[in-house]
C-alpha atoms as a PDB file:
ATOM      1  CA  MET A   1      62.277  20.771 -29.695  1.00  0.00           C
ATOM      2  CA  ALA A   2      59.691  22.089 -32.149  1.00  0.00           C
ATOM      3  CA  ASN A   3      62.246  22.512 -34.958  1.00  0.00           C
ATOM      4  CA  GLN A   4      63.086  18.844 -34.570  1.00  0.00           C
ATOM      5  CA  MET A   5      59.377  18.073 -34.831  1.00  0.00           C
ATOM      6  CA  CYS A   6      59.176  20.132 -38.039  1.00  0.00           C
ATOM      7  CA  SER A   7      61.998  18.172 -39.637  1.00  0.00           C
ATOM      8  CA  ILE A   8      60.468  14.824 -38.613  1.00  0.00           C
ATOM      9  CA  ALA A   9      57.079  15.818 -40.031  1.00  0.00           C
ATOM     10  CA  LYS A  10      58.574  17.261 -43.244  1.00  0.00           C
ATOM     11  CA  LYS A  11      60.661  14.137 -43.857  1.00  0.00           C
ATOM     12  CA  ALA A  12      57.631  11.877 -43.441  1.00  0.00           C
ATOM     13  CA  LEU A  13      55.343  14.023 -45.624  1.00  0.00           C
ATOM     14  CA  THR A  14      58.012  14.413 -48.313  1.00  0.00           C
ATOM     15  CA  LYS A  15      57.886  10.670 -48.983  1.00  0.00           C
ATOM     16  CA  ARG A  16      54.216  10.999 -49.942  1.00  0.00           C
ATOM     17  CA  TYR A  17      53.952  14.480 -51.480  1.00  0.00           C
ATOM     18  CA  GLY A  18      57.458  15.433 -52.655  1.00  0.00           C
ATOM     19  CA  TYR A  19      59.936  17.866 -51.117  1.00  0.00           C
ATOM     20  CA  ARG A  20      58.813  20.995 -53.003  1.00  0.00           C
ATOM     21  CA  ASN A  21      55.128  20.354 -52.223  1.00  0.00           C
ATOM     22  CA  VAL A  22      55.477  20.323 -48.420  1.00  0.00           C
ATOM     23  CA  SER A  23      56.127  23.143 -45.968  1.00  0.00           C
ATOM     24  CA  VAL A  24      56.284  22.541 -42.206  1.00  0.00           C
ATOM     25  CA  LYS A  25      56.929  25.463 -39.883  1.00  0.00           C
ATOM     26  CA  ASN A  26      56.361  26.562 -36.311  1.00  0.00           C
ATOM     27  CA  GLY A  27      53.614  28.955 -35.376  1.00  0.00           C
ATOM     28  CA  THR A  28      54.567  32.450 -34.265  1.00  0.00           C
ATOM     29  CA  GLY A  29      54.419  34.118 -30.889  1.00  0.00           C
ATOM     30  CA  THR A  30      52.519  32.123 -28.298  1.00  0.00           C
ATOM     31  CA  ALA A  31      51.682  29.488 -30.925  1.00  0.00           C
ATOM     32  CA  TRP A  32      55.362  28.710 -31.561  1.00  0.00           C
ATOM     33  CA  GLY A  33      54.903  25.072 -30.520  1.00  0.00           C
ATOM     34  CA  TRP A  34      52.136  24.504 -33.053  1.00  0.00           C
ATOM     35  CA  LEU A  35      52.971  22.871 -36.362  1.00  0.00           C
ATOM     36  CA  HIS A  36      51.815  24.686 -39.500  1.00  0.00           C
ATOM     37  CA  VAL A  37      51.718  22.212 -42.381  1.00  0.00           C
ATOM     38  CA  ASN A  38      51.030  23.298 -45.974  1.00  0.00           C
ATOM     39  CA  ILE A  39      50.799  20.749 -48.773  1.00  0.00           C
ATOM     40  CA  LYS A  40      50.330  21.302 -52.504  1.00  0.00           C
ATOM     41  CA  TYR A  41      48.293  18.555 -54.166  1.00  0.00           C
ATOM     42  CA  PRO A  42      46.826  18.140 -57.691  1.00  0.00           C
ATOM     43  CA  LYS A  43      43.182  19.030 -58.282  1.00  0.00           C
ATOM     44  CA  ALA A  44      40.607  16.339 -58.801  1.00  0.00           C
ATOM     45  CA  ILE A  45      39.736  15.506 -62.400  1.00  0.00           C
ATOM     46  CA  PRO A  46      37.202  16.574 -63.602  1.00  0.00           C
ATOM     47  CA  CYS A  47      37.368  19.827 -61.646  1.00  0.00           C
ATOM     48  CA  THR A  48      34.470  22.286 -61.843  1.00  0.00           C
ATOM     49  CA  CYS A  49      35.610  24.749 -59.151  1.00  0.00           C
ATOM     50  CA  GLU A  50      34.390  28.316 -59.776  1.00  0.00           C
ATOM     51  CA  HIS A  51      34.940  31.755 -58.306  1.00  0.00           C
ATOM     52  CA  ASN A  52      31.810  33.468 -56.985  1.00  0.00           C
ATOM     53  CA  ALA A  53      30.903  37.140 -57.520  1.00  0.00           C
ATOM     54  CA  TRP A  54      33.235  38.211 -54.653  1.00  0.00           C
ATOM     55  CA  GLY A  55      36.208  36.301 -56.068  1.00  0.00           C
ATOM     56  CA  VAL A  56      36.058  33.518 -53.481  1.00  0.00           C
ATOM     57  CA  LEU A  57      36.813  30.044 -54.844  1.00  0.00           C
ATOM     58  CA  ASN A  58      33.936  27.581 -54.414  1.00  0.00           C
ATOM     59  CA  TYR A  59      35.374  24.079 -54.521  1.00  0.00           C
ATOM     60  CA  CYS A  60      33.581  21.389 -56.494  1.00  0.00           C
ATOM     61  CA  GLN A  61      32.602  18.152 -54.730  1.00  0.00           C
ATOM     62  CA  PRO A  62      35.503  16.054 -56.132  1.00  0.00           C
ATOM     63  CA  CYS A  63      38.025  18.683 -54.952  1.00  0.00           C
ATOM     64  CA  LYS A  64      36.387  18.867 -51.493  1.00  0.00           C
ATOM     65  CA  GLU A  65      36.646  15.097 -51.171  1.00  0.00           C
ATOM     66  CA  THR A  66      40.273  15.165 -52.332  1.00  0.00           C
ATOM     67  CA  MET A  67      41.131  17.807 -49.725  1.00  0.00           C
ATOM     68  CA  ARG A  68      39.387  15.913 -46.900  1.00  0.00           C
ATOM     69  CA  THR A  69      41.085  12.646 -47.831  1.00  0.00           C
ATOM     70  CA  GLN A  70      44.542  14.226 -48.071  1.00  0.00           C
ATOM     71  CA  GLU A  71      44.078  16.132 -44.781  1.00  0.00           C
ATOM     72  CA  LYS A  72      43.272  12.894 -42.938  1.00  0.00           C
ATOM     73  CA  LEU A  73      46.157  11.065 -44.601  1.00  0.00           C
ATOM     74  CA  ALA A  74      48.675  13.850 -43.917  1.00  0.00           C
ATOM     75  CA  GLU A  75      47.590  14.101 -40.277  1.00  0.00           C
ATOM     76  CA  ALA A  76      48.005  10.344 -39.839  1.00  0.00           C
ATOM     77  CA  ILE A  77      51.462  10.467 -41.477  1.00  0.00           C
ATOM     78  CA  VAL A  78      52.623  13.267 -39.137  1.00  0.00           C
ATOM     79  CA  ARG A  79      51.235  11.603 -36.006  1.00  0.00           C
ATOM     80  CA  GLU A  80      52.831   8.267 -36.917  1.00  0.00           C
ATOM     81  CA  ALA A  81      56.198   9.872 -37.686  1.00  0.00           C
ATOM     82  CA  LEU A  82      56.222  11.822 -34.414  1.00  0.00           C
ATOM     83  CA  ALA A  83      55.134   8.773 -32.400  1.00  0.00           C
ATOM     84  CA  SER A  84      57.972   6.698 -33.893  1.00  0.00           C
ATOM     85  CA  GLU A  85      60.411   9.325 -32.536  1.00  0.00           C
ATOM     86  CA  ASP A  86      58.611   9.531 -29.147  1.00  0.00           C
ATOM     87  CA  LYS A  87      57.457  13.095 -29.866  1.00  0.00           C
ATOM     88  CA  LYS A  88      54.030  14.642 -29.365  1.00  0.00           C
ATOM     89  CA  LEU A  89      52.316  17.688 -30.780  1.00  0.00           C
ATOM     90  CA  TYR A  90      52.038  20.719 -28.495  1.00  0.00           C
ATOM     91  CA  THR A  91      49.115  20.153 -26.142  1.00  0.00           C
ATOM     92  CA  TYR A  92      47.079  22.399 -23.872  1.00  0.00           C
ATOM     93  CA  ASP A  93      44.029  22.127 -21.646  1.00  0.00           C
ATOM     94  CA  THR A  94      42.009  25.325 -21.360  1.00  0.00           C
ATOM     95  CA  ASP A  95      38.532  23.966 -20.775  1.00  0.00           C
ATOM     96  CA  GLY A  96      39.137  21.097 -18.368  1.00  0.00           C
ATOM     97  CA  MET A  97      38.062  18.630 -21.060  1.00  0.00           C
ATOM     98  CA  GLY A  98      41.524  17.175 -21.662  1.00  0.00           C
ATOM     99  CA  ASP A  99      44.481  17.932 -23.865  1.00  0.00           C
ATOM    100  CA  HIS A 100      44.093  19.460 -27.312  1.00  0.00           C
ATOM    101  CA  GLU A 101      46.863  18.859 -29.845  1.00  0.00           C
ATOM    102  CA  GLU A 102      47.780  21.661 -32.192  1.00  0.00           C
ATOM    103  CA  MET A 103      48.584  21.205 -35.849  1.00  0.00           C
ATOM    104  CA  LEU A 104      47.275  23.500 -38.557  1.00  0.00           C
ATOM    105  CA  LEU A 105      47.000  21.601 -41.825  1.00  0.00           C
ATOM    106  CA  ASP A 106      46.288  23.228 -45.176  1.00  0.00           C
ATOM    107  CA  ILE A 107      45.933  21.423 -48.499  1.00  0.00           C
ATOM    108  CA  THR A 108      46.342  23.702 -51.529  1.00  0.00           C
ATOM    109  CA  LEU A 109      45.023  22.258 -54.755  1.00  0.00           C
ATOM    110  CA  ILE A 110      47.217  23.073 -57.746  1.00  0.00           C
END
């Protein structure tokens, strides 16, 4: 079931981001039903991202905004594609507060 969900999500995201820029996989172990989505997307222009003294990349404000916007858009694309096929993300309820859907989404700026 989850592999089918991966292919549905990848097909939908490919239309927006291109085939080589999208990776959709299952989690591992007990998180196998989770979707792990990785998307490569161009950096904002002008980009002033810098590495700090420890080598960690500090994103500039335009890049942060680009990542937030693309995360929201990609999540909406996946949810819409799955809903059109009558599929749902893996859900669980551990705190009695209702179901939590699991999708890990990562935007990599290139």
